Amino acid sequence: MIVYGKNVIKEAIFTDRPIYKIYIDERFSDHHFLKFLKDKQLDYVKVSKGELNRMTQNAVHQGIVADLKAYDYFNLEDVIDASKVQRFLILDGIEDPHNLGAIMRTAEAVQLDGIIISKKGQVLLNATVAKVSSGAIEHVPVILVSNINQTILKLKEHNIWVIGTDGTTDKTYDDMPLELSIAIVLGNEGEGIRPLVKQNCDMLVKIPMFGKINSLNVSVAAALMMYKAIK
């Protein structure tokens, strides 16, 4: 898998992810990063900026690209721990990799127990997600499931409350039962949570808003919900 960016590659190295090859801009001038690679006994190949642009489809690669082992997904059963109060996110159809990457960055900051995503209708882990996450992709468990609704039922079997976000409900995020393990559902950027997923939630809450614009970017909404959930 091709990824790019200093933080992404550095975190991959820190976590001992298998790295097959590192490519660096022949004009790369970050001597601290080069020393870091040398200290870790990692070789690299110098190539032109144009070659890096081609490899990353003209992304902001910061002059460094790596071919490494693809990111692993987790099984739900491997992440659930009944001995502690846990916090999960369920993403119901997030399509923008920038949003997923930003959500992962906040999830790492709050030490979220996991992000649950579906195999269909959802952006998966890719180079853009990794870059926007600024390396958080190495530290946040991502659980890949076949069906969100069936997964919600499994979470309930483990006494995990499923809380959907809905701007039309009367309850706010202040009403979340923080003494319980919870999984917060965030919907698609345009359509929100699908009706059946919403029906399967134990409760619906909204983020209080007082301005004239009544919607938030999903990554911003996710950050607010995550920080509220760990209060």
Foldseek 3Di string as FASTA:
>chain_A
DKAADDLQVVLCVVVVFFWDAKEFAPPQDPVVSVVVCVVSVHDHHYDHPVVVCVVVVNDPRSGMMTDTDDDDADAPVVQDDLVDAAEEEEEAQAADLLLLLLLLLLCLVLVHSAYEYEPPNHDDDDRSSSVNVSNSSSPHHYHYDHDPLVVLVVCVVSVEAEEEEDLPDPAALVPDPLVHHYYYYWYYQPPTHDPVSVVSGPYYHYHDDDDPDRDDGRSVVSSVSSVSSSD
